[in-house]
PDB file of N, CA and C in Angstrom:
ATOM      1  N   UNK A   1       0.669  -1.562  -0.128  1.00  0.00           N
ATOM      2  CA  UNK A   1       0.019   0.071  -0.179  1.00  0.00           C
ATOM      3  C   UNK A   1       0.820   1.023   0.068  1.00  0.00           C
ATOM      4  N   UNK A   2       0.509   2.259  -0.610  1.00  0.00           N
ATOM      5  CA  UNK A   2       1.415   3.564  -1.064  1.00  0.00           C
ATOM      6  C   UNK A   2       0.630   4.631   0.173  1.00  0.00           C
ATOM      7  N   UNK A   3       2.002   5.560   1.021  1.00  0.00           N
ATOM      8  CA  UNK A   3       1.591   6.568   1.219  1.00  0.00           C
ATOM      9  C   UNK A   3       1.515   7.628   1.283  1.00  0.00           C
ATOM     10  N   UNK A   4       0.944   8.616   1.821  1.00  0.00           N
ATOM     11  CA  UNK A   4       0.968  10.050   1.260  1.00  0.00           C
ATOM     12  C   UNK A   4       2.704  10.607   0.152  1.00  0.00           C
ATOM     13  N   UNK A   5       3.221   9.811   0.892  1.00  0.00           N
ATOM     14  CA  UNK A   5       5.283  10.873   1.012  1.00  0.00           C
ATOM     15  C   UNK A   5       5.597   9.830  -0.248  1.00  0.00           C
ATOM     16  N   UNK A   6       4.818   8.144  -0.808  1.00  0.00           N
ATOM     17  CA  UNK A   6       4.840   7.851  -1.626  1.00  0.00           C
ATOM     18  C   UNK A   6       4.560   8.681  -3.028  1.00  0.00           C
ATOM     19  N   UNK A   7       3.288   8.774  -2.954  1.00  0.00           N
ATOM     20  CA  UNK A   7       2.603   9.025  -4.188  1.00  0.00           C
ATOM     21  C   UNK A   7       2.938  10.279  -4.811  1.00  0.00           C
ATOM     22  N   UNK A   8       2.931  11.628  -3.558  1.00  0.00           N
ATOM     23  CA  UNK A   8       3.690  12.994  -4.177  1.00  0.00           C
ATOM     24  C   UNK A   8       4.674  12.815  -5.097  1.00  0.00           C
ATOM     25  N   UNK A   9       6.157  12.075  -4.221  1.00  0.00           N
ATOM     26  CA  UNK A   9       7.182  12.357  -5.618  1.00  0.00           C
ATOM     27  C   UNK A   9       6.320  11.821  -6.991  1.00  0.00           C
ATOM     28  N   UNK A  10       5.941  10.859  -6.758  1.00  0.00           N
ATOM     29  CA  UNK A  10       5.648  10.128  -8.302  1.00  0.00           C
ATOM     30  C   UNK A  10       5.286  10.955  -8.813  1.00  0.00           C
ATOM     31  N   UNK A  11       4.231  11.686  -8.436  1.00  0.00           N
ATOM     32  CA  UNK A  11       3.019  12.637  -9.028  1.00  0.00           C
ATOM     33  C   UNK A  11       4.234  13.679  -9.515  1.00  0.00           C
ATOM     34  N   UNK A  12       5.091  14.235  -8.777  1.00  0.00           N
ATOM     35  CA  UNK A  12       6.158  15.251  -9.361  1.00  0.00           C
ATOM     36  C   UNK A  12       6.575  14.423 -10.527  1.00  0.00           C
ATOM     37  N   UNK A  13       7.874  13.413 -10.505  1.00  0.00           N
ATOM     38  CA  UNK A  13       8.590  13.348 -11.003  1.00  0.00           C
ATOM     39  C   UNK A  13       7.638  12.409 -12.586  1.00  0.00           C
ATOM     40  N   UNK A  14       6.828  12.288 -12.179  1.00  0.00           N
ATOM     41  CA  UNK A  14       6.252  12.181 -13.588  1.00  0.00           C
ATOM     42  C   UNK A  14       5.361  13.165 -14.326  1.00  0.00           C
ATOM     43  N   UNK A  15       5.683  13.994 -13.878  1.00  0.00           N
ATOM     44  CA  UNK A  15       5.108  15.401 -14.190  1.00  0.00           C
ATOM     45  C   UNK A  15       3.727  15.781 -13.997  1.00  0.00           C
ATOM     46  N   UNK A  16       2.628  14.726 -12.934  1.00  0.00           N
ATOM     47  CA  UNK A  16       1.505  14.803 -13.187  1.00  0.00           C
ATOM     48  C   UNK A  16       1.462  16.392 -12.626  1.00  0.00           C
ATOM     49  N   UNK A  17       1.830  16.716 -11.748  1.00  0.00           N
ATOM     50  CA  UNK A  17       1.387  18.172 -10.832  1.00  0.00           C
ATOM     51  C   UNK A  17       1.789  18.974 -12.180  1.00  0.00           C
ATOM     52  N   UNK A  18       2.840  18.977 -11.954  1.00  0.00           N
ATOM     53  CA  UNK A  18       3.504  20.166 -13.334  1.00  0.00           C
ATOM     54  C   UNK A  18       2.190  20.372 -14.662  1.00  0.00           C
ATOM     55  N   UNK A  19       2.340  19.438 -15.078  1.00  0.00           N
ATOM     56  CA  UNK A  19       1.118  19.305 -16.126  1.00  0.00           C
ATOM     57  C   UNK A  19      -0.447  19.373 -15.679  1.00  0.00           C
ATOM     58  N   UNK A  20      -1.066  19.267 -14.372  1.00  0.00           N
ATOM     59  CA  UNK A  20      -2.573  19.500 -13.935  1.00  0.00           C
ATOM     60  C   UNK A  20      -2.322  21.162 -13.703  1.00  0.00           C
ATOM     61  N   UNK A  21      -1.681  21.489 -13.297  1.00  0.00           N
ATOM     62  CA  UNK A  21      -1.277  22.959 -12.586  1.00  0.00           C
ATOM     63  C   UNK A  21      -1.082  23.891 -14.053  1.00  0.00           C
ATOM     64  N   UNK A  22       0.081  23.278 -15.663  1.00  0.00           N
ATOM     65  CA  UNK A  22       0.155  24.019 -16.207  1.00  0.00           C
ATOM     66  C   UNK A  22       1.556  25.120 -15.916  1.00  0.00           C
ATOM     67  N   UNK A  23       2.409  23.996 -15.314  1.00  0.00           N
ATOM     68  CA  UNK A  23       3.520  25.179 -14.318  1.00  0.00           C
ATOM     69  C   UNK A  23       4.660  24.313 -14.660  1.00  0.00           C
ATOM     70  N   UNK A  24       5.588  24.413 -15.577  1.00  0.00           N
ATOM     71  CA  UNK A  24       6.882  23.499 -15.470  1.00  0.00           C
ATOM     72  C   UNK A  24       8.261  24.200 -14.494  1.00  0.00           C
ATOM     73  N   UNK A  25       7.930  25.264 -13.628  1.00  0.00           N
ATOM     74  CA  UNK A  25       8.977  25.613 -12.479  1.00  0.00           C
ATOM     75  C   UNK A  25       8.544  25.541 -11.536  1.00  0.00           C
ATOM     76  N   UNK A  26       7.896  24.550 -11.404  1.00  0.00           N
ATOM     77  CA  UNK A  26       7.203  23.871 -10.051  1.00  0.00           C
ATOM     78  C   UNK A  26       8.449  23.344  -9.331  1.00  0.00           C
ATOM     79  N   UNK A  27       9.155  23.638  -8.472  1.00  0.00           N
ATOM     80  CA  UNK A  27       9.939  22.960  -7.422  1.00  0.00           C
ATOM     81  C   UNK A  27       9.766  22.681  -6.015  1.00  0.00           C
ATOM     82  N   UNK A  28      10.160  21.809  -5.971  1.00  0.00           N
ATOM     83  CA  UNK A  28       9.405  21.486  -4.095  1.00  0.00           C
ATOM     84  C   UNK A  28      10.071  22.415  -3.549  1.00  0.00           C
ATOM     85  N   UNK A  29       9.575  22.826  -2.253  1.00  0.00           N
ATOM     86  CA  UNK A  29      10.599  23.810  -1.731  1.00  0.00           C
ATOM     87  C   UNK A  29       9.421  23.933  -0.044  1.00  0.00           C
ATOM     88  N   UNK A  30       8.652  23.259   0.044  1.00  0.00           N
ATOM     89  CA  UNK A  30       7.683  23.245   1.140  1.00  0.00           C
ATOM     90  C   UNK A  30       7.385  21.723   1.702  1.00  0.00           C
ATOM     91  N   UNK A  31       7.913  22.274   2.954  1.00  0.00           N
ATOM     92  CA  UNK A  31       6.998  20.179   3.281  1.00  0.00           C
ATOM     93  C   UNK A  31       7.024  20.563   4.852  1.00  0.00           C
ATOM     94  N   UNK A  32       5.919  19.760   5.552  1.00  0.00           N
ATOM     95  CA  UNK A  32       6.219  19.524   7.271  1.00  0.00           C
ATOM     96  C   UNK A  32       5.237  20.783   7.595  1.00  0.00           C
ATOM     97  N   UNK A  33       5.367  21.136   9.246  1.00  0.00           N
ATOM     98  CA  UNK A  33       4.614  21.707  10.062  1.00  0.00           C
ATOM     99  C   UNK A  33       5.422  22.780   9.883  1.00  0.00           C
ATOM    100  N   UNK A  34       4.568  24.064  10.374  1.00  0.00           N
ATOM    101  CA  UNK A  34       4.528  25.237  10.950  1.00  0.00           C
ATOM    102  C   UNK A  34       3.427  26.084  11.686  1.00  0.00           C
ATOM    103  N   UNK A  35       3.747  27.377  11.935  1.00  0.00           N
ATOM    104  CA  UNK A  35       2.669  27.956  12.900  1.00  0.00           C
ATOM    105  C   UNK A  35       2.025  29.229  12.107  1.00  0.00           C
ATOM    106  N   UNK A  36       0.484  29.417  12.203  1.00  0.00           N
ATOM    107  CA  UNK A  36       0.253  30.471  11.348  1.00  0.00           C
ATOM    108  C   UNK A  36       0.427  31.464  12.042  1.00  0.00           C
ATOM    109  N   UNK A  37       0.812  32.763  11.386  1.00  0.00           N
ATOM    110  CA  UNK A  37       1.010  33.589  12.141  1.00  0.00           C
ATOM    111  C   UNK A  37      -1.137  34.167  12.320  1.00  0.00           C
ATOM    112  N   UNK A  38      -0.866  34.670  12.780  1.00  0.00           N
ATOM    113  CA  UNK A  38      -2.168  35.699  13.467  1.00  0.00           C
ATOM    114  C   UNK A  38      -3.207  36.522  11.803  1.00  0.00           C
ATOM    115  N   UNK A  39      -4.198  36.200  12.052  1.00  0.00           N
ATOM    116  CA  UNK A  39      -5.422  36.169  11.032  1.00  0.00           C
ATOM    117  C   UNK A  39      -6.613  36.181  11.879  1.00  0.00           C
ATOM    118  N   UNK A  40      -7.071  37.225  11.163  1.00  0.00           N
ATOM    119  CA  UNK A  40      -9.085  36.569  11.570  1.00  0.00           C
ATOM    120  C   UNK A  40      -9.522  36.337  10.259  1.00  0.00           C
ATOM    121  N   UNK A  41     -10.556  35.220  10.626  1.00  0.00           N
ATOM    122  CA  UNK A  41     -11.100  34.557   9.798  1.00  0.00           C
ATOM    123  C   UNK A  41     -12.748  35.303  10.142  1.00  0.00           C
ATOM    124  N   UNK A  42     -13.716  35.134   8.709  1.00  0.00           N
ATOM    125  CA  UNK A  42     -15.150  36.024   8.440  1.00  0.00           C
ATOM    126  C   UNK A  42     -16.201  34.791   8.384  1.00  0.00           C
ATOM    127  N   UNK A  43     -16.452  34.204   9.399  1.00  0.00           N
ATOM    128  CA  UNK A  43     -17.749  33.318   9.038  1.00  0.00           C
ATOM    129  C   UNK A  43     -18.952  33.816   9.500  1.00  0.00           C
ATOM    130  N   UNK A  44     -20.472  34.289   8.488  1.00  0.00           N
ATOM    131  CA  UNK A  44     -21.234  34.716   8.560  1.00  0.00           C
ATOM    132  C   UNK A  44     -21.199  36.153   9.377  1.00  0.00           C
ATOM    133  N   UNK A  45     -21.741  36.027  10.344  1.00  0.00           N
ATOM    134  CA  UNK A  45     -21.127  37.176  11.367  1.00  0.00           C
ATOM    135  C   UNK A  45     -20.605  37.224  12.280  1.00  0.00           C
ATOM    136  N   UNK A  46     -19.683  36.058  12.753  1.00  0.00           N
ATOM    137  CA  UNK A  46     -18.537  35.698  13.436  1.00  0.00           C
ATOM    138  C   UNK A  46     -16.966  35.424  12.834  1.00  0.00           C
ATOM    139  N   UNK A  47     -17.042  36.417  14.231  1.00  0.00           N
ATOM    140  CA  UNK A  47     -15.379  37.045  13.369  1.00  0.00           C
ATOM    141  C   UNK A  47     -13.915  36.432  14.163  1.00  0.00           C
ATOM    142  N   UNK A  48     -13.650  35.053  13.886  1.00  0.00           N
ATOM    143  CA  UNK A  48     -12.401  34.397  14.608  1.00  0.00           C
ATOM    144  C   UNK A  48     -11.256  34.980  14.525  1.00  0.00           C
ATOM    145  N   UNK A  49     -10.642  35.230  15.421  1.00  0.00           N
ATOM    146  CA  UNK A  49      -8.906  35.409  15.580  1.00  0.00           C
ATOM    147  C   UNK A  49      -8.279  34.517  15.870  1.00  0.00           C
ATOM    148  N   UNK A  50      -7.730  33.964  14.466  1.00  0.00           N
ATOM    149  CA  UNK A  50      -6.533  33.140  14.714  1.00  0.00           C
ATOM    150  C   UNK A  50      -5.088  33.396  14.633  1.00  0.00           C
ATOM    151  N   UNK A  51      -4.656  32.349  15.516  1.00  0.00           N
ATOM    152  CA  UNK A  51      -2.262  32.708  15.764  1.00  0.00           C
ATOM    153  C   UNK A  51      -2.041  31.661  16.338  1.00  0.00           C
ATOM    154  N   UNK A  52      -0.935  31.316  16.083  1.00  0.00           N
ATOM    155  CA  UNK A  52      -0.691  29.760  16.071  1.00  0.00           C
ATOM    156  C   UNK A  52      -1.184  29.096  15.653  1.00  0.00           C
ATOM    157  N   UNK A  53      -1.664  28.379  15.265  1.00  0.00           N
ATOM    158  CA  UNK A  53      -2.283  27.382  14.929  1.00  0.00           C
ATOM    159  C   UNK A  53      -1.490  26.596  13.870  1.00  0.00           C
ATOM    160  N   UNK A  54      -0.835  25.054  15.048  1.00  0.00           N
ATOM    161  CA  UNK A  54      -0.357  24.045  14.148  1.00  0.00           C
ATOM    162  C   UNK A  54      -0.779  24.324  12.534  1.00  0.00           C
ATOM    163  N   UNK A  55       0.186  23.870  11.252  1.00  0.00           N
ATOM    164  CA  UNK A  55      -0.373  23.434   9.718  1.00  0.00           C
ATOM    165  C   UNK A  55       0.897  22.397   9.232  1.00  0.00           C
ATOM    166  N   UNK A  56      -0.029  21.547   8.688  1.00  0.00           N
ATOM    167  CA  UNK A  56       1.437  20.612   7.983  1.00  0.00           C
ATOM    168  C   UNK A  56       0.763  20.687   6.538  1.00  0.00           C
ATOM    169  N   UNK A  57       1.440  20.255   5.366  1.00  0.00           N
ATOM    170  CA  UNK A  57       1.493  20.426   4.489  1.00  0.00           C
ATOM    171  C   UNK A  57       2.651  18.941   3.491  1.00  0.00           C
ATOM    172  N   UNK A  58       1.607  18.283   3.028  1.00  0.00           N
ATOM    173  CA  UNK A  58       2.441  17.439   2.724  1.00  0.00           C
ATOM    174  C   UNK A  58       3.365  17.618   1.541  1.00  0.00           C
ATOM    175  N   UNK A  59       3.387  18.173   0.787  1.00  0.00           N
ATOM    176  CA  UNK A  59       4.127  18.825  -0.148  1.00  0.00           C
ATOM    177  C   UNK A  59       3.952  20.351  -0.297  1.00  0.00           C
ATOM    178  N   UNK A  60       4.438  20.945  -0.750  1.00  0.00           N
ATOM    179  CA  UNK A  60       4.036  22.802  -1.149  1.00  0.00           C
ATOM    180  C   UNK A  60       5.263  22.813  -2.635  1.00  0.00           C
ATOM    181  N   UNK A  61       4.861  22.979  -3.990  1.00  0.00           N
ATOM    182  CA  UNK A  61       5.634  22.949  -4.825  1.00  0.00           C
ATOM    183  C   UNK A  61       5.327  24.671  -5.436  1.00  0.00           C
ATOM    184  N   UNK A  62       6.307  24.698  -5.523  1.00  0.00           N
ATOM    185  CA  UNK A  62       6.800  26.922  -5.148  1.00  0.00           C
ATOM    186  C   UNK A  62       7.485  26.613  -6.961  1.00  0.00           C
ATOM    187  N   UNK A  63       6.230  27.709  -7.628  1.00  0.00           N
ATOM    188  CA  UNK A  63       6.807  28.173  -9.134  1.00  0.00           C
ATOM    189  C   UNK A  63       7.641  29.471  -9.119  1.00  0.00           C
ATOM    190  N   UNK A  64       7.592  30.328 -10.502  1.00  0.00           N
ATOM    191  CA  UNK A  64       7.622  31.659 -10.718  1.00  0.00           C
ATOM    192  C   UNK A  64       6.383  32.489 -10.205  1.00  0.00           C
ATOM    193  N   UNK A  65       5.252  31.943 -10.907  1.00  0.00           N
ATOM    194  CA  UNK A  65       4.041  32.959 -10.526  1.00  0.00           C
ATOM    195  C   UNK A  65       2.975  32.154  -9.046  1.00  0.00           C
ATOM    196  N   UNK A  66       3.187  31.144  -8.632  1.00  0.00           N
ATOM    197  CA  UNK A  66       2.539  30.623  -8.345  1.00  0.00           C
ATOM    198  C   UNK A  66       2.974  29.496  -6.517  1.00  0.00           C
ATOM    199  N   UNK A  67       2.383  29.119  -6.093  1.00  0.00           N
ATOM    200  CA  UNK A  67       2.876  27.900  -4.705  1.00  0.00           C
ATOM    201  C   UNK A  67       1.349  26.772  -4.908  1.00  0.00           C
ATOM    202  N   UNK A  68       1.672  25.719  -4.644  1.00  0.00           N
ATOM    203  CA  UNK A  68       1.004  24.506  -4.804  1.00  0.00           C
ATOM    204  C   UNK A  68       1.237  23.913  -3.961  1.00  0.00           C
ATOM    205  N   UNK A  69       0.326  23.961  -2.283  1.00  0.00           N
ATOM    206  CA  UNK A  69      -0.229  22.988  -1.721  1.00  0.00           C
ATOM    207  C   UNK A  69      -1.001  22.166  -2.025  1.00  0.00           C
ATOM    208  N   UNK A  70      -0.207  21.099  -1.891  1.00  0.00           N
ATOM    209  CA  UNK A  70      -1.110  19.253  -1.577  1.00  0.00           C
ATOM    210  C   UNK A  70      -1.162  18.763  -0.431  1.00  0.00           C
ATOM    211  N   UNK A  71      -2.336  18.186   0.099  1.00  0.00           N
ATOM    212  CA  UNK A  71      -2.626  17.461   0.900  1.00  0.00           C
ATOM    213  C   UNK A  71      -3.001  15.908   0.877  1.00  0.00           C
ATOM    214  N   UNK A  72      -2.390  15.229   1.296  1.00  0.00           N
ATOM    215  CA  UNK A  72      -2.670  13.884   0.460  1.00  0.00           C
ATOM    216  C   UNK A  72      -3.235  12.817   1.575  1.00  0.00           C
ATOM    217  N   UNK A  73      -4.049  11.891   0.998  1.00  0.00           N
ATOM    218  CA  UNK A  73      -4.784  10.431   2.183  1.00  0.00           C
ATOM    219  C   UNK A  73      -4.911   9.660   1.513  1.00  0.00           C
ATOM    220  N   UNK A  74      -4.323   8.522   1.672  1.00  0.00           N
ATOM    221  CA  UNK A  74      -4.081   7.156   1.686  1.00  0.00           C
ATOM    222  C   UNK A  74      -5.051   6.562   1.559  1.00  0.00           C
ATOM    223  N   UNK A  75      -6.510   6.780   2.131  1.00  0.00           N
ATOM    224  CA  UNK A  75      -7.450   6.245   2.724  1.00  0.00           C
ATOM    225  C   UNK A  75      -8.670   7.019   1.732  1.00  0.00           C
ATOM    226  N   UNK A  76      -9.377   5.834   1.285  1.00  0.00           N
ATOM    227  CA  UNK A  76     -11.165   6.669   1.187  1.00  0.00           C
ATOM    228  C   UNK A  76     -11.825   7.340   1.742  1.00  0.00           C
ATOM    229  N   UNK A  77     -12.171   8.306   1.872  1.00  0.00           N
ATOM    230  CA  UNK A  77     -12.906   9.628   2.795  1.00  0.00           C
ATOM    231  C   UNK A  77     -13.961   9.640   2.316  1.00  0.00           C
ATOM    232  N   UNK A  78     -14.746   9.740   3.315  1.00  0.00           N
ATOM    233  CA  UNK A  78     -15.933  10.594   3.362  1.00  0.00           C
ATOM    234  C   UNK A  78     -16.279  11.819   3.480  1.00  0.00           C
ATOM    235  N   UNK A  79     -14.945  12.769   4.203  1.00  0.00           N
ATOM    236  CA  UNK A  79     -15.203  13.859   4.724  1.00  0.00           C
ATOM    237  C   UNK A  79     -13.846  14.642   4.554  1.00  0.00           C
ATOM    238  N   UNK A  80     -14.134  15.832   4.667  1.00  0.00           N
ATOM    239  CA  UNK A  80     -12.761  16.464   5.210  1.00  0.00           C
ATOM    240  C   UNK A  80     -12.198  17.691   5.961  1.00  0.00           C
ATOM    241  N   UNK A  81     -11.826  17.083   7.074  1.00  0.00           N
ATOM    242  CA  UNK A  81     -11.817  18.853   7.945  1.00  0.00           C
ATOM    243  C   UNK A  81     -11.443  19.719   7.181  1.00  0.00           C
ATOM    244  N   UNK A  82     -11.885  20.860   6.546  1.00  0.00           N
ATOM    245  CA  UNK A  82     -11.788  22.271   5.910  1.00  0.00           C
ATOM    246  C   UNK A  82     -10.354  23.078   5.914  1.00  0.00           C
ATOM    247  N   UNK A  83     -10.741  22.749   7.483  1.00  0.00           N
ATOM    248  CA  UNK A  83      -8.505  23.840   8.163  1.00  0.00           C
ATOM    249  C   UNK A  83      -7.461  23.138   7.282  1.00  0.00           C
ATOM    250  N   UNK A  84      -7.635  21.680   7.414  1.00  0.00           N
ATOM    251  CA  UNK A  84      -6.458  21.024   6.747  1.00  0.00           C
ATOM    252  C   UNK A  84      -6.000  22.173   5.321  1.00  0.00           C
ATOM    253  N   UNK A  85      -6.921  22.275   4.817  1.00  0.00           N
ATOM    254  CA  UNK A  85      -6.411  22.761   3.303  1.00  0.00           C
ATOM    255  C   UNK A  85      -6.890  24.298   3.292  1.00  0.00           C
ATOM    256  N   UNK A  86      -7.455  24.841   4.435  1.00  0.00           N
ATOM    257  CA  UNK A  86      -7.420  26.035   4.706  1.00  0.00           C
ATOM    258  C   UNK A  86      -6.293  26.988   4.739  1.00  0.00           C
ATOM    259  N   UNK A  87      -6.139  26.403   5.947  1.00  0.00           N
ATOM    260  CA  UNK A  87      -5.291  27.416   7.575  1.00  0.00           C
ATOM    261  C   UNK A  87      -3.755  27.378   6.394  1.00  0.00           C
ATOM    262  N   UNK A  88      -3.354  26.690   5.938  1.00  0.00           N
ATOM    263  CA  UNK A  88      -2.256  26.190   4.972  1.00  0.00           C
ATOM    264  C   UNK A  88      -2.100  27.471   3.862  1.00  0.00           C
ATOM    265  N   UNK A  89      -3.440  27.450   3.395  1.00  0.00           N
ATOM    266  CA  UNK A  89      -3.687  28.271   1.993  1.00  0.00           C
ATOM    267  C   UNK A  89      -3.446  30.051   2.850  1.00  0.00           C
ATOM    268  N   UNK A  90      -4.177  29.801   3.643  1.00  0.00           N
ATOM    269  CA  UNK A  90      -4.564  30.998   4.396  1.00  0.00           C
ATOM    270  C   UNK A  90      -2.857  31.894   4.599  1.00  0.00           C
ATOM    271  N   UNK A  91      -1.953  31.008   5.491  1.00  0.00           N
ATOM    272  CA  UNK A  91      -0.788  31.334   5.633  1.00  0.00           C
ATOM    273  C   UNK A  91      -0.076  31.923   4.512  1.00  0.00           C
ATOM    274  N   UNK A  92       0.143  30.934   3.711  1.00  0.00           N
ATOM    275  CA  UNK A  92       0.898  31.341   2.716  1.00  0.00           C
ATOM    276  C   UNK A  92       0.815  32.449   2.186  1.00  0.00           C
ATOM    277  N   UNK A  93      -0.593  32.897   1.431  1.00  0.00           N
ATOM    278  CA  UNK A  93      -1.404  34.575   1.516  1.00  0.00           C
ATOM    279  C   UNK A  93      -0.777  35.493   2.408  1.00  0.00           C
ATOM    280  N   UNK A  94      -0.478  35.026   3.624  1.00  0.00           N
ATOM    281  CA  UNK A  94       0.335  35.910   4.619  1.00  0.00           C
ATOM    282  C   UNK A  94       1.473  35.869   3.862  1.00  0.00           C
ATOM    283  N   UNK A  95       2.178  35.340   3.054  1.00  0.00           N
ATOM    284  CA  UNK A  95       4.227  35.288   3.167  1.00  0.00           C
ATOM    285  C   UNK A  95       4.498  35.147   1.991  1.00  0.00           C
ATOM    286  N   UNK A  96       3.904  35.531   0.904  1.00  0.00           N
ATOM    287  CA  UNK A  96       3.614  35.559  -0.483  1.00  0.00           C
ATOM    288  C   UNK A  96       2.687  36.538  -1.028  1.00  0.00           C
ATOM    289  N   UNK A  97       3.178  36.850  -2.262  1.00  0.00           N
ATOM    290  CA  UNK A  97       2.232  37.457  -3.152  1.00  0.00           C
ATOM    291  C   UNK A  97       2.102  36.153  -4.761  1.00  0.00           C
ATOM    292  N   UNK A  98       2.415  35.706  -4.782  1.00  0.00           N
ATOM    293  CA  UNK A  98       2.588  34.916  -5.143  1.00  0.00           C
ATOM    294  C   UNK A  98       0.936  33.723  -5.189  1.00  0.00           C
ATOM    295  N   UNK A  99       0.633  32.907  -5.889  1.00  0.00           N
ATOM    296  CA  UNK A  99      -0.853  33.053  -6.104  1.00  0.00           C
ATOM    297  C   UNK A  99      -0.605  31.618  -5.466  1.00  0.00           C
ATOM    298  N   UNK A 100      -1.340  31.244  -4.507  1.00  0.00           N
ATOM    299  CA  UNK A 100      -1.728  29.833  -3.573  1.00  0.00           C
ATOM    300  C   UNK A 100      -2.336  29.036  -4.438  1.00  0.00           C
ATOM    301  N   UNK A 101      -2.662  27.792  -4.822  1.00  0.00           N
ATOM    302  CA  UNK A 101      -3.103  26.801  -5.350  1.00  0.00           C
ATOM    303  C   UNK A 101      -3.232  25.881  -4.411  1.00  0.00           C
ATOM    304  N   UNK A 102      -4.952  24.821  -3.945  1.00  0.00           N
ATOM    305  CA  UNK A 102      -4.731  24.120  -3.123  1.00  0.00           C
ATOM    306  C   UNK A 102      -5.310  22.995  -3.681  1.00  0.00           C
ATOM    307  N   UNK A 103      -4.452  21.903  -3.870  1.00  0.00           N
ATOM    308  CA  UNK A 103      -4.779  20.954  -4.128  1.00  0.00           C
ATOM    309  C   UNK A 103      -4.944  19.127  -2.884  1.00  0.00           C
ATOM    310  N   UNK A 104      -6.183  18.822  -3.186  1.00  0.00           N
ATOM    311  CA  UNK A 104      -6.370  17.728  -2.403  1.00  0.00           C
ATOM    312  C   UNK A 104      -6.544  16.225  -2.969  1.00  0.00           C
ATOM    313  N   UNK A 105      -5.281  15.497  -2.858  1.00  0.00           N
ATOM    314  CA  UNK A 105      -5.112  14.190  -3.280  1.00  0.00           C
ATOM    315  C   UNK A 105      -5.539  13.120  -2.123  1.00  0.00           C
ATOM    316  N   UNK A 106      -6.590  11.848  -2.835  1.00  0.00           N
ATOM    317  CA  UNK A 106      -7.028  10.569  -1.992  1.00  0.00           C
ATOM    318  C   UNK A 106      -6.809   9.435  -2.548  1.00  0.00           C
ATOM    319  N   UNK A 107      -6.172   8.503  -2.027  1.00  0.00           N
ATOM    320  CA  UNK A 107      -6.055   7.340  -2.201  1.00  0.00           C
ATOM    321  C   UNK A 107      -7.010   6.261  -2.008  1.00  0.00           C
ATOM    322  N   UNK A 108      -7.763   6.123  -3.440  1.00  0.00           N
ATOM    323  CA  UNK A 108      -8.910   5.437  -3.666  1.00  0.00           C
ATOM    324  C   UNK A 108      -9.016   4.468  -4.039  1.00  0.00           C
ATOM    325  N   UNK A 109      -7.679   3.327  -3.581  1.00  0.00           N
ATOM    326  CA  UNK A 109      -7.282   2.055  -4.581  1.00  0.00           C
ATOM    327  C   UNK A 109      -6.455   1.385  -3.877  1.00  0.00           C
ATOM    328  N   UNK A 110      -5.919   0.063  -3.758  1.00  0.00           N
ATOM    329  CA  UNK A 110      -4.826  -0.483  -3.046  1.00  0.00           C
ATOM    330  C   UNK A 110      -4.010  -1.261  -3.678  1.00  0.00           C
ATOM    331  N   UNK A 111      -3.539  -0.360  -5.020  1.00  0.00           N
ATOM    332  CA  UNK A 111      -1.977  -0.207  -5.095  1.00  0.00           C
ATOM    333  C   UNK A 111      -1.086  -0.674  -4.845  1.00  0.00           C
TER     334      UNK A 111
END
C-alpha cells in the first residue's frame, strides 16, 4: 500500500502535478509543520482571531508565479476537515504575493 509520501514524489517525477497545474517551473520547496501568524476569519457574522495554529503540508511546490500546496490522504474518505486545506493556504497568502493553489489527493485504491 502506498502512503502519501510515496505518491507525491511519483506525481511530481511523472510531471502529473506540473501538467495538471500547467506550470513547468514548480519545484518542491515546502514540507512539514509550521505555525500560522495571526489572522482573522469571518464566518457569517462571527469574526474569529486565529494565531499560532499548527499546520502541515504534505508537499508544497513553488513556481515562478504560484505556490501549489498539497494535502494527501492514503484512504477512501467520506469527509475532510476543511481547516487542513484552508489554514495552510491562508498562511502562505500572508507570506507571499504569489498565487496560492491547494490540491487534495486521495488514494482510493489498494494498488
